[in-house]
N, C-alpha and C. Protein backbone atom coordinates (compact mmCIF):
# COMPACT_ATOMS: atom_id res chain seq x y z
N MET A 1 -3.25 16.61 9.42
CA MET A 1 -2.90 15.53 8.53
C MET A 1 -4.10 14.63 8.27
N LEU A 2 -4.98 14.53 9.23
CA LEU A 2 -6.18 13.73 9.04
C LEU A 2 -7.06 14.32 7.94
N VAL A 3 -7.15 15.62 7.93
CA VAL A 3 -7.94 16.29 6.87
C VAL A 3 -7.27 16.08 5.52
N GLY A 4 -5.95 16.13 5.47
CA GLY A 4 -5.23 15.90 4.22
C GLY A 4 -5.45 14.50 3.69
N THR A 5 -5.47 13.52 4.57
CA THR A 5 -5.72 12.15 4.15
C THR A 5 -7.14 11.99 3.61
N ALA A 6 -8.10 12.63 4.27
CA ALA A 6 -9.49 12.57 3.79
C ALA A 6 -9.63 13.25 2.44
N VAL A 7 -8.98 14.38 2.27
CA VAL A 7 -9.02 15.07 0.97
C VAL A 7 -8.32 14.23 -0.10
N GLY A 8 -7.25 13.54 0.28
CA GLY A 8 -6.58 12.63 -0.65
C GLY A 8 -7.48 11.50 -1.09
N LEU A 9 -8.26 10.95 -0.16
CA LEU A 9 -9.23 9.92 -0.53
C LEU A 9 -10.26 10.45 -1.51
N LEU A 10 -10.79 11.62 -1.22
CA LEU A 10 -11.78 12.22 -2.12
C LEU A 10 -11.18 12.55 -3.48
N ALA A 11 -9.94 13.05 -3.49
CA ALA A 11 -9.28 13.36 -4.77
C ALA A 11 -9.03 12.09 -5.57
N GLY A 12 -8.68 11.01 -4.89
CA GLY A 12 -8.47 9.74 -5.58
C GLY A 12 -9.74 9.20 -6.21
N VAL A 13 -10.84 9.29 -5.48
CA VAL A 13 -12.13 8.84 -6.02
C VAL A 13 -12.56 9.73 -7.18
N ALA A 14 -12.41 11.03 -7.03
CA ALA A 14 -12.77 11.96 -8.11
C ALA A 14 -11.89 11.74 -9.34
N GLY A 15 -10.62 11.48 -9.11
CA GLY A 15 -9.71 11.23 -10.23
C GLY A 15 -10.06 9.97 -10.99
N THR A 16 -10.45 8.93 -10.28
CA THR A 16 -10.80 7.69 -10.97
C THR A 16 -12.13 7.80 -11.69
N VAL A 17 -13.01 8.65 -11.21
CA VAL A 17 -14.29 8.85 -11.90
C VAL A 17 -14.09 9.68 -13.16
N LEU A 18 -13.21 10.66 -13.11
CA LEU A 18 -13.02 11.57 -14.24
C LEU A 18 -12.08 11.02 -15.31
N VAL A 19 -11.09 10.25 -14.94
CA VAL A 19 -10.09 9.76 -15.89
C VAL A 19 -10.41 8.32 -16.26
N HIS A 20 -10.61 8.07 -17.54
CA HIS A 20 -10.94 6.73 -18.00
C HIS A 20 -9.84 6.14 -18.88
N ALA A 21 -8.74 6.85 -19.05
CA ALA A 21 -7.65 6.38 -19.89
C ALA A 21 -6.85 5.31 -19.17
N ARG A 22 -6.27 4.40 -19.92
CA ARG A 22 -5.40 3.37 -19.35
C ARG A 22 -4.04 3.99 -19.10
N VAL A 23 -3.58 3.89 -17.88
CA VAL A 23 -2.29 4.45 -17.49
C VAL A 23 -1.50 3.36 -16.79
N ARG A 24 -0.19 3.36 -17.02
CA ARG A 24 0.66 2.36 -16.37
C ARG A 24 0.63 2.53 -14.86
N PRO A 25 0.44 1.44 -14.12
CA PRO A 25 0.33 1.56 -12.66
C PRO A 25 1.58 2.12 -11.98
N ASP A 26 2.77 1.82 -12.52
CA ASP A 26 3.98 2.32 -11.88
C ASP A 26 4.09 3.83 -12.00
N ILE A 27 3.62 4.38 -13.10
CA ILE A 27 3.64 5.84 -13.26
C ILE A 27 2.63 6.49 -12.33
N VAL A 28 1.47 5.89 -12.20
CA VAL A 28 0.45 6.44 -11.30
C VAL A 28 0.91 6.40 -9.85
N ILE A 29 1.52 5.31 -9.45
CA ILE A 29 2.01 5.20 -8.07
C ILE A 29 3.11 6.23 -7.82
N ALA A 30 3.99 6.42 -8.79
CA ALA A 30 5.05 7.42 -8.64
C ALA A 30 4.47 8.82 -8.52
N LEU A 31 3.46 9.12 -9.31
CA LEU A 31 2.85 10.45 -9.24
C LEU A 31 2.07 10.65 -7.95
N VAL A 32 1.31 9.64 -7.55
CA VAL A 32 0.46 9.76 -6.37
C VAL A 32 1.29 9.80 -5.09
N ALA A 33 2.31 8.98 -5.01
CA ALA A 33 3.13 8.95 -3.79
C ALA A 33 4.26 9.97 -3.83
N GLY A 34 4.79 10.23 -5.01
CA GLY A 34 5.97 11.09 -5.11
C GLY A 34 5.70 12.57 -5.08
N LEU A 35 4.77 13.04 -5.88
CA LEU A 35 4.55 14.48 -5.98
C LEU A 35 4.08 15.12 -4.68
N PRO A 36 3.06 14.59 -4.01
CA PRO A 36 2.69 15.21 -2.72
C PRO A 36 3.81 15.12 -1.68
N SER A 37 4.58 14.04 -1.72
CA SER A 37 5.67 13.91 -0.76
C SER A 37 6.74 14.96 -1.00
N ILE A 38 7.11 15.15 -2.24
CA ILE A 38 8.15 16.14 -2.56
C ILE A 38 7.66 17.55 -2.24
N PHE A 39 6.48 17.90 -2.70
CA PHE A 39 5.97 19.25 -2.45
C PHE A 39 5.72 19.50 -0.96
N GLY A 40 5.19 18.50 -0.27
CA GLY A 40 4.93 18.66 1.17
C GLY A 40 6.21 18.80 1.97
N LEU A 41 7.20 17.96 1.68
CA LEU A 41 8.46 18.04 2.41
C LEU A 41 9.20 19.34 2.13
N LEU A 42 9.18 19.78 0.88
CA LEU A 42 9.83 21.06 0.55
C LEU A 42 9.12 22.23 1.22
N THR A 43 7.81 22.17 1.28
CA THR A 43 7.05 23.23 1.95
C THR A 43 7.37 23.27 3.43
N ILE A 44 7.43 22.11 4.07
CA ILE A 44 7.78 22.05 5.49
C ILE A 44 9.21 22.52 5.71
N LEU A 45 10.10 22.09 4.84
CA LEU A 45 11.52 22.41 5.00
C LEU A 45 11.79 23.91 4.89
N PHE A 46 11.12 24.57 3.95
CA PHE A 46 11.38 25.99 3.71
C PHE A 46 10.33 26.92 4.31
N SER A 47 9.53 26.40 5.23
CA SER A 47 8.48 27.24 5.82
C SER A 47 9.08 28.14 6.90
N GLY A 48 8.54 29.33 6.96
CA GLY A 48 8.96 30.26 7.99
C GLY A 48 7.85 30.59 8.97
N ARG A 49 6.67 30.17 8.64
CA ARG A 49 5.51 30.43 9.50
C ARG A 49 4.80 29.12 9.81
N ARG A 50 4.02 29.15 10.87
CA ARG A 50 3.34 27.93 11.29
C ARG A 50 2.29 27.47 10.29
N TRP A 51 1.58 28.40 9.70
CA TRP A 51 0.52 27.99 8.78
C TRP A 51 1.11 27.37 7.52
N VAL A 52 2.31 27.77 7.13
CA VAL A 52 2.95 27.16 5.97
C VAL A 52 3.40 25.74 6.31
N THR A 53 3.85 25.53 7.54
CA THR A 53 4.20 24.18 7.99
C THR A 53 2.95 23.30 8.00
N ALA A 54 1.83 23.83 8.47
CA ALA A 54 0.58 23.07 8.46
C ALA A 54 0.13 22.75 7.04
N LEU A 55 0.32 23.69 6.12
CA LEU A 55 0.00 23.45 4.71
C LEU A 55 0.88 22.34 4.14
N GLY A 56 2.15 22.35 4.50
CA GLY A 56 3.06 21.30 4.06
C GLY A 56 2.65 19.94 4.58
N ALA A 57 2.22 19.88 5.84
CA ALA A 57 1.75 18.61 6.41
C ALA A 57 0.47 18.15 5.70
N PHE A 58 -0.39 19.09 5.36
CA PHE A 58 -1.61 18.76 4.62
C PHE A 58 -1.26 18.17 3.26
N ILE A 59 -0.34 18.81 2.55
CA ILE A 59 0.06 18.32 1.22
C ILE A 59 0.73 16.96 1.34
N LEU A 60 1.54 16.79 2.36
CA LEU A 60 2.22 15.52 2.59
C LEU A 60 1.23 14.39 2.87
N ALA A 61 0.12 14.71 3.53
CA ALA A 61 -0.87 13.70 3.88
C ALA A 61 -1.80 13.35 2.72
N LEU A 62 -1.75 14.08 1.62
CA LEU A 62 -2.59 13.75 0.47
C LEU A 62 -2.18 12.41 -0.15
N GLY A 63 -0.90 12.13 -0.17
CA GLY A 63 -0.39 10.92 -0.82
C GLY A 63 -0.94 9.62 -0.26
N PRO A 64 -0.87 9.38 1.05
CA PRO A 64 -1.40 8.11 1.57
C PRO A 64 -2.90 7.93 1.34
N GLY A 65 -3.67 9.01 1.41
CA GLY A 65 -5.11 8.89 1.15
C GLY A 65 -5.40 8.50 -0.28
N TRP A 66 -4.69 9.14 -1.19
CA TRP A 66 -4.86 8.86 -2.62
C TRP A 66 -4.37 7.45 -2.93
N PHE A 67 -3.26 7.06 -2.32
CA PHE A 67 -2.73 5.72 -2.53
C PHE A 67 -3.69 4.66 -2.00
N GLY A 68 -4.37 4.95 -0.90
CA GLY A 68 -5.36 4.03 -0.36
C GLY A 68 -6.50 3.77 -1.33
N VAL A 69 -6.92 4.79 -2.04
CA VAL A 69 -7.97 4.62 -3.05
C VAL A 69 -7.46 3.74 -4.19
N LEU A 70 -6.22 3.95 -4.62
CA LEU A 70 -5.68 3.12 -5.70
C LEU A 70 -5.59 1.65 -5.28
N VAL A 71 -5.20 1.40 -4.04
CA VAL A 71 -5.13 0.03 -3.54
C VAL A 71 -6.52 -0.58 -3.49
N ALA A 72 -7.49 0.17 -3.02
CA ALA A 72 -8.87 -0.34 -2.95
C ALA A 72 -9.41 -0.65 -4.34
N ILE A 73 -9.09 0.17 -5.31
CA ILE A 73 -9.54 -0.09 -6.68
C ILE A 73 -8.91 -1.35 -7.23
N GLN A 74 -7.61 -1.55 -6.98
CA GLN A 74 -6.94 -2.75 -7.46
C GLN A 74 -7.52 -4.00 -6.81
N VAL A 75 -7.82 -3.93 -5.53
CA VAL A 75 -8.36 -5.09 -4.82
C VAL A 75 -9.75 -5.44 -5.34
N THR A 76 -10.58 -4.43 -5.53
CA THR A 76 -11.95 -4.72 -5.97
C THR A 76 -12.04 -5.08 -7.43
N SER A 77 -11.07 -4.68 -8.23
CA SER A 77 -11.13 -5.01 -9.65
C SER A 77 -10.61 -6.42 -9.93
N GLY A 78 -9.99 -7.06 -8.94
CA GLY A 78 -9.52 -8.42 -9.11
C GLY A 78 -8.20 -8.51 -9.85
N ALA A 79 -7.45 -7.44 -9.91
CA ALA A 79 -6.18 -7.46 -10.66
C ALA A 79 -5.04 -7.93 -9.80
């Protein structure tokens, strides 16, 4: 899960560098927190092997890392 959080941080930074369009914050928060949570939980729930469970935990941990980047951007931008 630690690796998933780190990858989520990197994905959040890469996403903010690549995307310059104005997007509503509530939609971004729903996508960043919701999609990895849903996919990760479903992967863990329906996993039959250990490595699939580990993959689900990795996907589940992407959300908090990505969300941390969004919070840091909001704090530093003064919004």
